[in-house]
Amino acid sequence: MFSGYSMSELGAIFAMQGFAGLILFSVFVLMALGLAIIFGQMGVINMAHGEFMILGAYVTYLVSNLFAAYAPGLFGAYFFVAMILAFCASGLLGMAMEWAIIRHLYKRPLDTLLATWGLSLILQQTYRSVFGAREVGVTIPDWMMGSLPVTDLIEVPINGLFVMVLALAISAAVYIMMFRSGWGRQVRAVTQNRTMAGAVGIDTERTDRLTFGIGCGVAGIAGAAFTMIGSTGPTSGQAYIVDTFLVVVFGGAASLLGTIASAFSISQAQSILEFFLSGSMAKVITLLAVVGILMLRPQGLFAMKLRK
């Protein structure tokens, strides 16, 4: 696999693919954080999570067009407005879906899987009807264009660096929200003992709705970040949903640190293997490795320790 490459070429290849893996890692983290909140904290298998991501991407596309048409002088700042609106749009839709569908299906994981899978098909067709079947892309602001030379053989794209910084910032925000805030304590209380949480005055239904909405909102931010590195189509979210579930399960469903470590491991493995092998073979090898590790450690890399 490595024959025909000199040591300097291999070093440059691993460095470039490693950075490409970091960009993929950033998208995985943003997707998996929202899914970890929903699946890890609520036990809901949300097969429509990719479609909430794509809603954020389409919101970013609309905002970029509006800024280009009506506020070209402020075009360089449109992404920050789009990111906030993407979070709000995906979060509000998630809360509406939780109220209309999900709240009736708690503790019935197979039913939530089927219901959210049907929801994903409905959202895909809605996007296809509204935006068309072709993929669309946004115009990247000038300050995100270009790359930074590291060596003569290695260059780092600025938009990729921005996506990584965004992923780190959102990860820190989710950590503070889940483990350093009153709302996070309420979520953990409801997760561990819903009856007792309700008895001490926590509004469990409101907590569930906000948790689901925030998880979907984080997916919307992932969609906004996705537009910086790829084009958006009605079914683009399905390309990431399996990998995202793999990241969450491999890292430990209720572990934020495990989600980040799992996303890094899987993204780096896929990125490097894709250069030397085909994309499908890279996914197969990564999946087999993850399945093998889960057979030895079924609770994931960083399982939450609970008293029994």
Protein backbone atom coordinates (compact mmCIF):
# COMPACT_ATOMS: atom_id res chain seq x y z
CA MET A 1 0.00 0.00 0.00
CA PHE A 2 2.89 2.34 0.76
CA SER A 3 5.19 1.12 -2.03
CA GLY A 4 6.23 3.72 -4.57
CA TYR A 5 6.29 6.59 -2.07
CA SER A 6 9.38 8.12 -0.53
CA MET A 7 9.49 8.88 3.20
CA SER A 8 9.06 12.62 2.58
CA GLU A 9 6.07 11.96 0.31
CA LEU A 10 4.50 9.65 2.87
CA GLY A 11 5.03 12.26 5.56
CA ALA A 12 3.31 14.91 3.42
CA ILE A 13 0.47 12.51 2.55
CA PHE A 14 -0.16 11.62 6.18
CA ALA A 15 -0.06 15.29 7.16
CA MET A 16 -2.49 16.38 4.44
CA GLN A 17 -4.85 13.45 5.02
CA GLY A 18 -4.59 14.00 8.72
CA PHE A 19 -5.77 17.57 8.29
CA ALA A 20 -8.55 16.43 5.93
CA GLY A 21 -9.48 13.99 8.66
CA LEU A 22 -9.64 16.87 11.14
CA ILE A 23 -12.16 18.65 8.91
CA LEU A 24 -14.22 15.45 8.71
CA PHE A 25 -13.77 15.13 12.48
CA SER A 26 -15.26 18.60 12.92
CA VAL A 27 -18.42 17.68 10.99
CA PHE A 28 -18.66 14.35 12.86
CA VAL A 29 -18.31 16.11 16.22
CA LEU A 30 -20.98 18.71 15.44
CA MET A 31 -23.35 16.01 14.19
CA ALA A 32 -22.54 13.57 16.99
CA LEU A 33 -22.88 16.14 19.78
CA GLY A 34 -26.51 16.74 18.88
CA LEU A 35 -27.14 13.02 18.48
CA ALA A 36 -25.38 12.23 21.76
CA ILE A 37 -27.72 14.65 23.54
CA ILE A 38 -30.79 13.05 21.96
CA PHE A 39 -29.72 9.40 21.93
CA GLY A 40 -27.39 9.36 24.92
CA GLN A 41 -29.54 11.44 27.27
CA MET A 42 -33.05 10.58 26.02
CA GLY A 43 -32.65 7.14 24.45
CA VAL A 44 -34.34 8.30 21.22
CA ILE A 45 -32.99 6.87 17.95
CA ASN A 46 -33.38 9.90 15.67
CA MET A 47 -32.97 8.71 12.08
CA ALA A 48 -33.96 12.20 10.87
CA HIS A 49 -30.91 13.80 12.48
CA GLY A 50 -29.21 14.17 9.08
CA GLU A 51 -32.23 16.07 7.75
CA PHE A 52 -32.03 18.55 10.64
CA MET A 53 -28.41 19.08 9.61
CA ILE A 54 -29.45 19.72 6.02
CA LEU A 55 -32.10 22.19 7.17
CA GLY A 56 -29.27 24.20 8.72
CA ALA A 57 -27.35 23.98 5.45
CA TYR A 58 -30.32 25.23 3.42
CA VAL A 59 -30.89 28.08 5.89
CA THR A 60 -27.24 29.07 5.37
CA TYR A 61 -27.75 28.92 1.60
CA LEU A 62 -30.80 31.21 1.82
CA VAL A 63 -29.04 33.67 4.12
CA SER A 64 -26.01 33.86 1.82
CA ASN A 65 -28.27 34.65 -1.15
CA LEU A 66 -30.15 37.31 0.84
CA PHE A 67 -26.93 39.01 1.94
CA ALA A 68 -25.54 38.86 -1.61
CA ALA A 69 -28.71 40.48 -3.00
CA TYR A 70 -29.60 43.04 -0.32
CA ALA A 71 -26.49 43.61 1.85
CA PRO A 72 -23.38 42.90 -0.22
CA GLY A 73 -21.30 45.17 2.00
CA LEU A 74 -21.94 42.85 4.95
CA PHE A 75 -21.50 39.62 2.99
CA GLY A 76 -18.36 38.68 4.90
CA ALA A 77 -20.37 38.34 8.11
CA TYR A 78 -23.35 36.42 6.72
CA PHE A 79 -22.18 33.04 8.08
CA PHE A 80 -22.49 34.12 11.72
CA VAL A 81 -26.08 35.25 11.13
CA ALA A 82 -26.77 32.03 9.20
CA MET A 83 -25.36 29.90 12.01
CA ILE A 84 -27.72 31.46 14.58
CA LEU A 85 -30.71 31.12 12.26
CA ALA A 86 -29.76 27.52 11.41
CA PHE A 87 -29.67 26.66 15.11
CA CYS A 88 -33.06 28.31 15.68
CA ALA A 89 -34.73 26.74 12.62
CA SER A 90 -33.51 23.20 13.33
CA GLY A 91 -34.15 23.56 17.06
CA LEU A 92 -37.71 24.83 16.63
CA LEU A 93 -38.51 22.09 14.12
CA GLY A 94 -37.04 19.53 16.52
CA MET A 95 -39.18 20.82 19.39
CA ALA A 96 -42.28 20.70 17.17
CA MET A 97 -41.49 17.11 16.14
CA GLU A 98 -40.90 16.12 19.77
CA TRP A 99 -44.31 17.54 20.74
CA ALA A 100 -46.13 16.02 17.78
CA ILE A 101 -44.46 12.59 17.54
CA ILE A 102 -41.57 11.72 19.85
CA ARG A 103 -43.21 12.39 23.22
CA HIS A 104 -45.72 9.62 22.51
CA LEU A 105 -42.98 7.07 21.83
CA TYR A 106 -40.58 7.32 24.79
CA LYS A 107 -39.26 3.93 26.00
CA ARG A 108 -40.23 2.45 22.61
CA PRO A 109 -36.92 2.67 20.70
CA LEU A 110 -38.05 0.65 17.69
CA ASP A 111 -41.09 2.86 17.25
CA THR A 112 -39.00 6.03 17.48
CA LEU A 113 -36.60 4.59 14.90
CA LEU A 114 -39.44 3.92 12.45
CA ALA A 115 -41.19 7.23 13.14
CA THR A 116 -38.04 9.33 12.69
CA TRP A 117 -37.07 7.34 9.58
CA GLY A 118 -40.47 8.23 8.10
CA LEU A 119 -39.90 11.84 9.16
CA SER A 120 -36.55 11.84 7.36
CA LEU A 121 -38.23 10.73 4.13
CA ILE A 122 -40.85 13.47 4.48
CA LEU A 123 -38.18 16.12 5.07
CA GLN A 124 -36.11 14.89 2.12
CA GLN A 125 -39.10 15.19 -0.20
CA THR A 126 -39.91 18.62 1.24
CA TYR A 127 -36.38 19.84 0.52
CA ARG A 128 -36.57 18.35 -2.96
CA SER A 129 -39.86 20.14 -3.66
CA VAL A 130 -38.71 23.50 -2.27
CA PHE A 131 -35.06 23.66 -3.35
CA GLY A 132 -34.95 21.16 -6.23
CA ALA A 133 -33.16 17.85 -6.60
CA ARG A 134 -29.79 19.37 -7.56
CA GLU A 135 -27.16 20.18 -4.99
CA VAL A 136 -26.63 23.83 -4.11
CA GLY A 137 -23.63 25.61 -2.67
CA VAL A 138 -22.89 28.86 -0.90
CA THR A 139 -20.33 31.49 -1.80
CA ILE A 140 -17.56 31.41 0.77
CA PRO A 141 -16.61 34.86 2.14
CA ASP A 142 -13.30 36.24 0.92
CA TRP A 143 -11.69 35.97 4.35
CA MET A 144 -12.23 32.18 4.27
CA MET A 145 -10.68 31.75 0.83
CA GLY A 146 -7.18 30.46 0.22
CA SER A 147 -4.85 28.38 2.33
CA LEU A 148 -1.95 28.75 4.73
CA PRO A 149 1.35 27.15 3.63
CA VAL A 150 2.88 24.96 6.34
CA THR A 151 5.71 23.46 4.27
CA ASP A 152 6.55 23.29 0.58
CA LEU A 153 4.26 20.25 0.22
CA ILE A 154 1.56 20.99 2.82
CA GLU A 155 -1.09 23.71 2.70
CA VAL A 156 -3.98 24.15 5.12
CA PRO A 157 -7.28 25.61 3.77
CA ILE A 158 -8.58 28.52 5.83
CA ASN A 159 -12.23 27.39 5.65
CA GLY A 160 -11.20 24.03 7.11
CA LEU A 161 -9.45 25.77 10.00
CA PHE A 162 -12.57 27.83 10.64
CA VAL A 163 -14.76 24.72 10.76
CA MET A 164 -12.39 23.11 13.27
CA VAL A 165 -12.41 26.19 15.52
CA LEU A 166 -16.21 26.24 15.31
CA ALA A 167 -16.40 22.56 16.30
CA LEU A 168 -14.16 23.18 19.32
CA ALA A 169 -16.24 26.19 20.38
CA ILE A 170 -19.54 24.28 20.11
CA SER A 171 -18.04 21.32 21.99
CA ALA A 172 -17.01 23.63 24.84
CA ALA A 173 -20.47 25.25 24.86
CA VAL A 174 -22.21 21.85 25.01
CA TYR A 175 -19.93 20.75 27.85
CA ILE A 176 -20.73 23.88 29.88
CA MET A 177 -24.42 23.52 29.12
CA MET A 178 -24.59 19.84 30.09
CA PHE A 179 -22.22 19.74 33.09
CA ARG A 180 -21.96 23.28 34.42
CA SER A 181 -25.52 24.62 34.23
CA GLY A 182 -28.80 24.14 36.04
CA TRP A 183 -30.46 22.94 32.84
CA GLY A 184 -27.81 20.23 32.42
CA ARG A 185 -28.45 19.01 35.97
CA GLN A 186 -32.16 18.82 35.19
CA VAL A 187 -31.47 16.78 32.04
CA ARG A 188 -29.28 14.33 33.94
CA ALA A 189 -31.84 14.07 36.73
CA VAL A 190 -34.64 13.26 34.27
CA THR A 191 -32.39 10.72 32.52
CA GLN A 192 -31.47 8.90 35.72
CA ASN A 193 -34.87 8.94 37.48
CA ARG A 194 -37.78 10.61 35.71
CA THR A 195 -40.29 9.93 38.50
CA MET A 196 -38.10 11.40 41.24
CA ALA A 197 -37.16 14.38 39.04
CA GLY A 198 -40.85 15.16 38.55
CA ALA A 199 -41.47 14.75 42.28
CA VAL A 200 -38.91 17.46 43.17
CA GLY A 201 -40.51 19.94 40.77
CA ILE A 202 -38.67 19.48 37.46
CA ASP A 203 -40.95 19.87 34.44
CA THR A 204 -39.91 16.65 32.70
CA GLU A 205 -41.91 17.28 29.53
CA ARG A 206 -40.40 20.74 29.06
CA THR A 207 -36.92 19.33 29.75
CA ASP A 208 -37.43 16.60 27.12
CA ARG A 209 -38.62 19.14 24.56
CA LEU A 210 -35.75 21.53 25.14
CA THR A 211 -33.22 18.68 25.09
CA PHE A 212 -34.52 17.39 21.77
CA GLY A 213 -34.63 20.92 20.36
CA ILE A 214 -31.07 21.74 21.40
CA GLY A 215 -29.80 18.45 19.96
CA CYS A 216 -31.46 19.25 16.63
CA GLY A 217 -30.22 22.84 16.82
CA VAL A 218 -26.62 21.66 17.15
CA ALA A 219 -27.23 19.53 14.04
CA GLY A 220 -28.36 22.73 12.30
CA ILE A 221 -25.02 24.36 13.18
CA ALA A 222 -23.30 21.28 11.74
CA GLY A 223 -25.24 21.90 8.52
CA ALA A 224 -24.09 25.52 8.43
CA ALA A 225 -20.48 24.36 8.85
CA PHE A 226 -21.00 21.69 6.20
CA THR A 227 -21.72 24.35 3.56
CA MET A 228 -18.17 25.68 4.02
CA ILE A 229 -16.66 22.41 2.78
CA GLY A 230 -19.28 20.81 0.52
CA SER A 231 -22.47 21.26 -1.48
CA THR A 232 -25.96 20.55 -0.12
CA GLY A 233 -28.67 18.28 -1.55
CA PRO A 234 -31.94 16.81 -0.23
CA THR A 235 -30.27 13.51 0.70
CA SER A 236 -26.85 14.80 1.81
CA GLY A 237 -27.65 14.13 5.46
CA GLN A 238 -28.00 10.39 4.87
CA ALA A 239 -24.30 10.21 3.97
CA TYR A 240 -23.42 11.14 7.56
CA ILE A 241 -26.14 9.59 9.73
CA VAL A 242 -24.63 6.07 9.86
CA ASP A 243 -21.15 7.40 10.65
CA THR A 244 -22.63 9.68 13.30
CA PHE A 245 -24.44 6.82 15.06
CA LEU A 246 -21.21 4.84 14.84
CA VAL A 247 -19.33 7.70 16.50
CA VAL A 248 -21.87 7.98 19.35
CA VAL A 249 -22.08 4.23 20.05
CA PHE A 250 -18.31 3.70 19.75
CA GLY A 251 -17.52 6.55 22.12
CA GLY A 252 -20.17 5.66 24.70
CA ALA A 253 -23.71 6.93 24.28
CA ALA A 254 -23.73 9.25 27.31
CA SER A 255 -20.09 10.40 27.20
CA LEU A 256 -19.13 13.76 25.69
CA LEU A 257 -15.41 12.93 25.88
CA GLY A 258 -16.07 9.54 24.28
CA THR A 259 -17.98 11.18 21.42
CA ILE A 260 -15.06 13.51 20.66
CA ALA A 261 -12.44 10.75 20.92
CA SER A 262 -14.52 8.41 18.77
CA ALA A 263 -15.09 11.09 16.11
CA PHE A 264 -11.35 11.77 15.95
CA SER A 265 -10.41 8.08 15.64
CA ILE A 266 -12.99 7.26 12.96
CA SER A 267 -12.41 10.41 10.88
CA GLN A 268 -8.62 9.96 10.85
CA ALA A 269 -8.88 6.28 9.94
CA GLN A 270 -11.30 6.98 7.09
CA SER A 271 -9.33 9.93 5.73
CA ILE A 272 -5.99 8.11 5.60
CA LEU A 273 -7.42 4.84 4.26
CA GLU A 274 -9.39 6.66 1.54
CA PHE A 275 -6.14 7.96 0.04
CA PHE A 276 -4.57 4.52 -0.34
CA LEU A 277 -7.79 2.52 -0.90
CA SER A 278 -11.26 3.26 -2.24
CA GLY A 279 -13.78 5.20 -0.14
CA SER A 280 -16.00 2.14 0.28
CA MET A 281 -13.10 -0.05 1.39
CA ALA A 282 -12.04 2.59 3.90
CA LYS A 283 -15.53 2.57 5.42
CA VAL A 284 -15.61 -1.25 5.50
CA ILE A 285 -12.25 -1.52 7.25
CA THR A 286 -13.16 1.22 9.74
CA LEU A 287 -16.51 -0.44 10.46
CA LEU A 288 -14.92 -3.85 10.99
CA ALA A 289 -12.36 -2.35 13.38
CA VAL A 290 -15.07 -0.55 15.37
CA VAL A 291 -17.25 -3.68 15.53
CA GLY A 292 -14.26 -5.71 16.72
CA ILE A 293 -13.52 -3.22 19.50
CA LEU A 294 -17.21 -3.06 20.52
CA MET A 295 -17.27 -6.87 20.82
CA LEU A 296 -14.50 -6.55 23.42
CA ARG A 297 -15.92 -3.40 25.01
CA PRO A 298 -19.67 -3.19 24.23
CA GLN A 299 -20.21 -0.15 26.48
CA GLY A 300 -18.01 2.00 24.22
CA LEU A 301 -14.70 3.76 24.80
CA PHE A 302 -15.84 5.99 27.66
CA ALA A 303 -18.86 4.49 29.35
CA MET A 304 -20.60 6.54 32.05
CA LYS A 305 -20.15 4.98 35.49
CA LEU A 306 -23.37 4.71 37.45
CA ARG A 307 -24.01 3.36 40.93
CA LYS A 308 -26.25 0.33 41.04
